[in-house]
């Protein structure tokens, strides 16, 4: 688990699933807003964005619930095979700032910004939060994988900026290219879907 053979947690699978799921929702929200602003999704309205905002809000809290459950149960129990994951990150000056930054970006920011109804219906706010969630969960996986592999050689230094951010830009560019290429080859409207009319006239009270 997390490239560390000595770490064990029954919550870790759910933790990774929650992280990927909310990241996927952030990508969907961001691409939907961008396509709407480019004039491709004329039928999408504030009610649809409201639901996307609620999804990001809810699953950010779900990720935090799993994060806290794993942290408090494992760390409090003080089981060596399980608590090592947190000791390695909390007691290390190289990784402890990233550890807490991860929690701030992935929980506090979406929780506070998307709390109100109006915020979930504003495209600019949804874009900002979506990008923050994507970056935040990239940091989440960085803090999962780096300490057991690089030990004290990781952290926010010149190597981080050159190697980690450089690789993220390379693979992120490939991902965006493939997504946009796929979108250009098919209709953005599922014309024969039985729930299409209901989806178009979707309304949130």
C-alpha atoms as a PDB file:
ATOM      1  CA  UNK A   1       0.000   0.000   0.000  1.00  0.00           C
ATOM      2  CA  UNK A   2       1.374   3.367  -1.079  1.00  0.00           C
ATOM      3  CA  UNK A   3       4.666   1.710  -2.125  1.00  0.00           C
ATOM      4  CA  UNK A   4       5.393   0.836   1.520  1.00  0.00           C
ATOM      5  CA  UNK A   5       5.313  -2.900   2.325  1.00  0.00           C
ATOM      6  CA  UNK A   6       5.228  -2.258   6.087  1.00  0.00           C
ATOM      7  CA  UNK A   7       2.049  -0.159   5.997  1.00  0.00           C
ATOM      8  CA  UNK A   8      -1.346  -1.786   6.426  1.00  0.00           C
ATOM      9  CA  UNK A   9      -4.815  -0.238   6.517  1.00  0.00           C
ATOM     10  CA  UNK A  10      -8.300  -1.584   5.851  1.00  0.00           C
ATOM     11  CA  UNK A  11      -9.360   1.958   4.876  1.00  0.00           C
ATOM     12  CA  UNK A  12      -6.705   2.561   2.236  1.00  0.00           C
ATOM     13  CA  UNK A  13      -8.656   1.157  -0.724  1.00  0.00           C
ATOM     14  CA  UNK A  14     -11.634   3.367   0.069  1.00  0.00           C
ATOM     15  CA  UNK A  15      -9.305   6.316   0.569  1.00  0.00           C
ATOM     16  CA  UNK A  16      -7.777   5.930  -2.894  1.00  0.00           C
ATOM     17  CA  UNK A  17     -11.220   5.372  -4.449  1.00  0.00           C
ATOM     18  CA  UNK A  18     -12.590   8.557  -2.836  1.00  0.00           C
ATOM     19  CA  UNK A  19      -9.577  10.547  -4.042  1.00  0.00           C
ATOM     20  CA  UNK A  20      -9.902   9.362  -7.646  1.00  0.00           C
ATOM     21  CA  UNK A  21     -13.677   9.764  -7.638  1.00  0.00           C
ATOM     22  CA  UNK A  22     -13.721  13.397  -6.507  1.00  0.00           C
ATOM     23  CA  UNK A  23     -10.889  14.153  -8.954  1.00  0.00           C
ATOM     24  CA  UNK A  24     -12.987  12.659 -11.762  1.00  0.00           C
ATOM     25  CA  UNK A  25     -15.936  14.819 -10.717  1.00  0.00           C
ATOM     26  CA  UNK A  26     -13.689  17.882 -10.759  1.00  0.00           C
ATOM     27  CA  UNK A  27     -12.542  17.062 -14.310  1.00  0.00           C
ATOM     28  CA  UNK A  28     -16.149  16.540 -15.457  1.00  0.00           C
ATOM     29  CA  UNK A  29     -17.199  19.850 -13.907  1.00  0.00           C
ATOM     30  CA  UNK A  30     -14.269  21.751 -15.397  1.00  0.00           C
ATOM     31  CA  UNK A  31     -14.775  20.362 -18.910  1.00  0.00           C
ATOM     32  CA  UNK A  32     -18.531  20.973 -18.721  1.00  0.00           C
ATOM     33  CA  UNK A  33     -18.004  24.625 -17.767  1.00  0.00           C
ATOM     34  CA  UNK A  34     -15.397  25.097 -20.497  1.00  0.00           C
ATOM     35  CA  UNK A  35     -17.622  23.499 -23.157  1.00  0.00           C
ATOM     36  CA  UNK A  36     -20.562  25.624 -22.022  1.00  0.00           C
ATOM     37  CA  UNK A  37     -18.507  28.809 -22.260  1.00  0.00           C
ATOM     38  CA  UNK A  38     -17.288  27.747 -25.707  1.00  0.00           C
ATOM     39  CA  UNK A  39     -20.905  27.459 -26.882  1.00  0.00           C
ATOM     40  CA  UNK A  40     -21.106  23.673 -27.227  1.00  0.00           C
ATOM     41  CA  UNK A  41     -23.577  22.843 -24.424  1.00  0.00           C
ATOM     42  CA  UNK A  42     -26.378  25.331 -24.898  1.00  0.00           C
ATOM     43  CA  UNK A  43     -28.897  23.172 -22.994  1.00  0.00           C
ATOM     44  CA  UNK A  44     -26.767  23.091 -19.818  1.00  0.00           C
ATOM     45  CA  UNK A  45     -27.947  25.646 -17.252  1.00  0.00           C
ATOM     46  CA  UNK A  46     -27.298  26.732 -13.668  1.00  0.00           C
ATOM     47  CA  UNK A  47     -29.280  23.789 -12.327  1.00  0.00           C
ATOM     48  CA  UNK A  48     -26.897  21.325 -13.927  1.00  0.00           C
ATOM     49  CA  UNK A  49     -23.916  23.249 -12.559  1.00  0.00           C
ATOM     50  CA  UNK A  50     -25.590  23.275  -9.152  1.00  0.00           C
ATOM     51  CA  UNK A  51     -25.688  19.483  -9.150  1.00  0.00           C
ATOM     52  CA  UNK A  52     -22.055  19.237 -10.251  1.00  0.00           C
ATOM     53  CA  UNK A  53     -21.111  21.620  -7.447  1.00  0.00           C
ATOM     54  CA  UNK A  54     -23.055  19.497  -4.959  1.00  0.00           C
ATOM     55  CA  UNK A  55     -21.211  16.390  -6.149  1.00  0.00           C
ATOM     56  CA  UNK A  56     -17.810  18.033  -5.663  1.00  0.00           C
ATOM     57  CA  UNK A  57     -18.869  19.365  -2.265  1.00  0.00           C
ATOM     58  CA  UNK A  58     -20.273  16.017  -1.071  1.00  0.00           C
ATOM     59  CA  UNK A  59     -17.425  13.822  -2.219  1.00  0.00           C
ATOM     60  CA  UNK A  60     -14.799  16.223  -0.886  1.00  0.00           C
ATOM     61  CA  UNK A  61     -16.426  15.675   2.498  1.00  0.00           C
ATOM     62  CA  UNK A  62     -16.556  11.922   1.845  1.00  0.00           C
ATOM     63  CA  UNK A  63     -12.812  11.919   1.084  1.00  0.00           C
ATOM     64  CA  UNK A  64     -12.194  13.856   4.308  1.00  0.00           C
ATOM     65  CA  UNK A  65     -14.323  11.368   6.251  1.00  0.00           C
ATOM     66  CA  UNK A  66     -12.179   8.488   4.973  1.00  0.00           C
ATOM     67  CA  UNK A  67      -8.986  10.502   5.616  1.00  0.00           C
ATOM     68  CA  UNK A  68     -10.052  11.264   9.189  1.00  0.00           C
ATOM     69  CA  UNK A  69     -11.304   7.730   9.854  1.00  0.00           C
ATOM     70  CA  UNK A  70      -7.991   6.250   8.743  1.00  0.00           C
ATOM     71  CA  UNK A  71      -5.997   8.856  10.653  1.00  0.00           C
ATOM     72  CA  UNK A  72      -7.820   8.839  13.991  1.00  0.00           C
ATOM     73  CA  UNK A  73      -8.426   5.088  14.208  1.00  0.00           C
ATOM     74  CA  UNK A  74      -4.961   4.025  13.122  1.00  0.00           C
ATOM     75  CA  UNK A  75      -2.992   6.752  14.891  1.00  0.00           C
ATOM     76  CA  UNK A  76      -5.000   6.455  18.095  1.00  0.00           C
ATOM     77  CA  UNK A  77      -4.648   2.671  18.174  1.00  0.00           C
ATOM     78  CA  UNK A  78      -0.867   3.083  17.830  1.00  0.00           C
ATOM     79  CA  UNK A  79      -0.456  -0.153  15.885  1.00  0.00           C
ATOM     80  CA  UNK A  80       3.089  -0.061  14.422  1.00  0.00           C
ATOM     81  CA  UNK A  81       2.116  -1.582  11.054  1.00  0.00           C
ATOM     82  CA  UNK A  82      -0.598   1.029  10.592  1.00  0.00           C
ATOM     83  CA  UNK A  83       0.578   4.206  12.316  1.00  0.00           C
ATOM     84  CA  UNK A  84       3.929   4.198  10.491  1.00  0.00           C
ATOM     85  CA  UNK A  85       2.259   5.866   7.485  1.00  0.00           C
ATOM     86  CA  UNK A  86       1.344   8.951   9.520  1.00  0.00           C
ATOM     87  CA  UNK A  87       4.497   9.045  11.636  1.00  0.00           C
ATOM     88  CA  UNK A  88       6.608   9.087   8.468  1.00  0.00           C
ATOM     89  CA  UNK A  89       4.703  12.120   7.175  1.00  0.00           C
ATOM     90  CA  UNK A  90       3.856  14.044  10.351  1.00  0.00           C
ATOM     91  CA  UNK A  91       7.228  13.774  12.094  1.00  0.00           C
ATOM     92  CA  UNK A  92       9.221  14.659   8.989  1.00  0.00           C
ATOM     93  CA  UNK A  93       9.879  18.344   8.270  1.00  0.00           C
ATOM     94  CA  UNK A  94      10.166  17.527   4.557  1.00  0.00           C
ATOM     95  CA  UNK A  95       6.620  16.181   4.233  1.00  0.00           C
ATOM     96  CA  UNK A  96       4.590  17.628   7.108  1.00  0.00           C
ATOM     97  CA  UNK A  97       3.855  20.941   5.268  1.00  0.00           C
ATOM     98  CA  UNK A  98       2.553  18.990   2.240  1.00  0.00           C
ATOM     99  CA  UNK A  99       0.572  16.716   4.555  1.00  0.00           C
ATOM    100  CA  UNK A 100      -1.386  19.642   6.015  1.00  0.00           C
ATOM    101  CA  UNK A 101      -1.556  21.534   2.704  1.00  0.00           C
ATOM    102  CA  UNK A 102      -3.222  18.434   1.269  1.00  0.00           C
ATOM    103  CA  UNK A 103      -5.976  18.617   3.899  1.00  0.00           C
ATOM    104  CA  UNK A 104      -6.488  22.364   3.436  1.00  0.00           C
ATOM    105  CA  UNK A 105      -6.833  22.199  -0.361  1.00  0.00           C
ATOM    106  CA  UNK A 106      -8.932  19.030  -0.516  1.00  0.00           C
ATOM    107  CA  UNK A 107     -11.287  19.724   2.390  1.00  0.00           C
ATOM    108  CA  UNK A 108     -11.322  23.275   3.742  1.00  0.00           C
ATOM    109  CA  UNK A 109     -11.251  25.032   0.371  1.00  0.00           C
ATOM    110  CA  UNK A 110     -14.145  23.171  -1.353  1.00  0.00           C
ATOM    111  CA  UNK A 111     -16.090  22.957   1.909  1.00  0.00           C
ATOM    112  CA  UNK A 112     -15.996  26.687   2.622  1.00  0.00           C
ATOM    113  CA  UNK A 113     -16.357  27.907  -0.973  1.00  0.00           C
ATOM    114  CA  UNK A 114     -19.127  25.520  -2.116  1.00  0.00           C
ATOM    115  CA  UNK A 115     -21.169  25.699   1.062  1.00  0.00           C
ATOM    116  CA  UNK A 116     -23.716  28.177  -0.266  1.00  0.00           C
ATOM    117  CA  UNK A 117     -26.305  27.537  -2.993  1.00  0.00           C
ATOM    118  CA  UNK A 118     -25.247  30.528  -5.093  1.00  0.00           C
ATOM    119  CA  UNK A 119     -21.595  29.451  -5.160  1.00  0.00           C
ATOM    120  CA  UNK A 120     -22.524  26.133  -6.755  1.00  0.00           C
ATOM    121  CA  UNK A 121     -24.245  27.977  -9.614  1.00  0.00           C
ATOM    122  CA  UNK A 122     -21.324  30.299 -10.488  1.00  0.00           C
ATOM    123  CA  UNK A 123     -19.130  28.981 -13.305  1.00  0.00           C
ATOM    124  CA  UNK A 124     -16.001  30.845 -12.269  1.00  0.00           C
ATOM    125  CA  UNK A 125     -16.237  29.459  -8.731  1.00  0.00           C
ATOM    126  CA  UNK A 126     -16.778  25.924 -10.024  1.00  0.00           C
ATOM    127  CA  UNK A 127     -13.734  26.239 -12.283  1.00  0.00           C
ATOM    128  CA  UNK A 128     -11.511  27.509  -9.465  1.00  0.00           C
ATOM    129  CA  UNK A 129     -12.641  24.785  -7.058  1.00  0.00           C
ATOM    130  CA  UNK A 130     -12.339  22.065  -9.725  1.00  0.00           C
ATOM    131  CA  UNK A 131      -8.759  23.065 -10.523  1.00  0.00           C
ATOM    132  CA  UNK A 132      -7.930  23.246  -6.801  1.00  0.00           C
ATOM    133  CA  UNK A 133      -9.336  19.748  -6.243  1.00  0.00           C
ATOM    134  CA  UNK A 134      -7.352  18.336  -9.174  1.00  0.00           C
ATOM    135  CA  UNK A 135      -4.120  19.897  -7.885  1.00  0.00           C
ATOM    136  CA  UNK A 136      -4.960  18.935  -4.310  1.00  0.00           C
ATOM    137  CA  UNK A 137      -5.483  15.268  -5.087  1.00  0.00           C
ATOM    138  CA  UNK A 138      -2.345  15.220  -7.194  1.00  0.00           C
ATOM    139  CA  UNK A 139      -0.599  16.350  -3.993  1.00  0.00           C
ATOM    140  CA  UNK A 140      -2.532  13.637  -2.153  1.00  0.00           C
ATOM    141  CA  UNK A 141      -0.977  10.938  -4.323  1.00  0.00           C
ATOM    142  CA  UNK A 142       2.400  12.647  -4.108  1.00  0.00           C
ATOM    143  CA  UNK A 143       2.315  12.423  -0.315  1.00  0.00           C
ATOM    144  CA  UNK A 144       1.181   8.787  -0.577  1.00  0.00           C
ATOM    145  CA  UNK A 145       4.030   7.661  -2.828  1.00  0.00           C
ATOM    146  CA  UNK A 146       7.040   9.904  -2.280  1.00  0.00           C
ATOM    147  CA  UNK A 147       8.097   9.366   1.381  1.00  0.00           C
ATOM    148  CA  UNK A 148       8.645   5.582   1.174  1.00  0.00           C
ATOM    149  CA  UNK A 149      10.450   5.869  -2.184  1.00  0.00           C
ATOM    150  CA  UNK A 150      12.573   9.033  -1.916  1.00  0.00           C
ATOM    151  CA  UNK A 151      12.751   9.245   1.892  1.00  0.00           C
ATOM    152  CA  UNK A 152      14.116  12.713   2.759  1.00  0.00           C
ATOM    153  CA  UNK A 153      15.047  13.503  -0.847  1.00  0.00           C
ATOM    154  CA  UNK A 154      11.484  14.580  -1.721  1.00  0.00           C
ATOM    155  CA  UNK A 155       9.613  17.705  -0.715  1.00  0.00           C
ATOM    156  CA  UNK A 156       9.068  21.155  -2.200  1.00  0.00           C
ATOM    157  CA  UNK A 157      12.465  21.886  -3.711  1.00  0.00           C
ATOM    158  CA  UNK A 158      14.025  22.396  -7.154  1.00  0.00           C
ATOM    159  CA  UNK A 159      13.694  18.702  -8.008  1.00  0.00           C
ATOM    160  CA  UNK A 160      10.006  18.876  -7.170  1.00  0.00           C
ATOM    161  CA  UNK A 161       9.466  21.772  -9.565  1.00  0.00           C
ATOM    162  CA  UNK A 162      11.486  20.235 -12.381  1.00  0.00           C
ATOM    163  CA  UNK A 163      10.656  16.525 -12.161  1.00  0.00           C
ATOM    164  CA  UNK A 164       7.253  16.287 -10.493  1.00  0.00           C
ATOM    165  CA  UNK A 165       5.578  19.307 -12.060  1.00  0.00           C
ATOM    166  CA  UNK A 166       7.256  18.604 -15.398  1.00  0.00           C
ATOM    167  CA  UNK A 167       5.913  15.044 -15.494  1.00  0.00           C
ATOM    168  CA  UNK A 168       2.493  16.234 -14.366  1.00  0.00           C
ATOM    169  CA  UNK A 169       2.387  18.720 -17.253  1.00  0.00           C
ATOM    170  CA  UNK A 170       3.458  16.055 -19.765  1.00  0.00           C
ATOM    171  CA  UNK A 171       0.857  13.481 -18.714  1.00  0.00           C
ATOM    172  CA  UNK A 172      -1.783  16.170 -18.108  1.00  0.00           C
ATOM    173  CA  UNK A 173      -1.285  17.455 -21.644  1.00  0.00           C
ATOM    174  CA  UNK A 174      -1.639  13.947 -23.069  1.00  0.00           C
ATOM    175  CA  UNK A 175      -4.805  13.412 -21.036  1.00  0.00           C
ATOM    176  CA  UNK A 176      -6.391  16.691 -22.170  1.00  0.00           C
ATOM    177  CA  UNK A 177      -5.453  15.971 -25.788  1.00  0.00           C
ATOM    178  CA  UNK A 178      -7.062  12.516 -25.674  1.00  0.00           C
ATOM    179  CA  UNK A 179     -10.211  13.822 -23.965  1.00  0.00           C
ATOM    180  CA  UNK A 180     -10.674  16.706 -26.404  1.00  0.00           C
ATOM    181  CA  UNK A 181      -9.973  14.419 -29.370  1.00  0.00           C
ATOM    182  CA  UNK A 182     -12.592  11.970 -28.089  1.00  0.00           C
ATOM    183  CA  UNK A 183     -15.141  14.737 -27.568  1.00  0.00           C
ATOM    184  CA  UNK A 184     -14.605  16.013 -31.095  1.00  0.00           C
ATOM    185  CA  UNK A 185     -15.429  12.622 -32.604  1.00  0.00           C
ATOM    186  CA  UNK A 186     -18.857  12.109 -31.042  1.00  0.00           C
ATOM    187  CA  UNK A 187     -22.015  14.082 -30.387  1.00  0.00           C
ATOM    188  CA  UNK A 188     -22.103  15.844 -27.032  1.00  0.00           C
ATOM    189  CA  UNK A 189     -25.832  15.077 -26.795  1.00  0.00           C
ATOM    190  CA  UNK A 190     -27.097  11.516 -26.294  1.00  0.00           C
ATOM    191  CA  UNK A 191     -29.928  12.045 -28.784  1.00  0.00           C
ATOM    192  CA  UNK A 192     -31.673   8.691 -28.313  1.00  0.00           C
ATOM    193  CA  UNK A 193     -31.359   8.491 -24.547  1.00  0.00           C
ATOM    194  CA  UNK A 194     -34.787   7.924 -22.914  1.00  0.00           C
ATOM    195  CA  UNK A 195     -34.036  10.425 -20.118  1.00  0.00           C
ATOM    196  CA  UNK A 196     -32.774  13.194 -22.414  1.00  0.00           C
ATOM    197  CA  UNK A 197     -35.826  15.454 -22.149  1.00  0.00           C
ATOM    198  CA  UNK A 198     -35.943  15.126 -18.397  1.00  0.00           C
ATOM    199  CA  UNK A 199     -32.240  15.948 -18.196  1.00  0.00           C
ATOM    200  CA  UNK A 200     -32.575  19.029 -20.389  1.00  0.00           C
ATOM    201  CA  UNK A 201     -35.450  20.375 -18.286  1.00  0.00           C
ATOM    202  CA  UNK A 202     -33.693  19.569 -15.033  1.00  0.00           C
ATOM    203  CA  UNK A 203     -34.571  21.973 -12.231  1.00  0.00           C
ATOM    204  CA  UNK A 204     -33.119  22.258  -8.712  1.00  0.00           C
ATOM    205  CA  UNK A 205     -35.331  23.810  -6.057  1.00  0.00           C
END
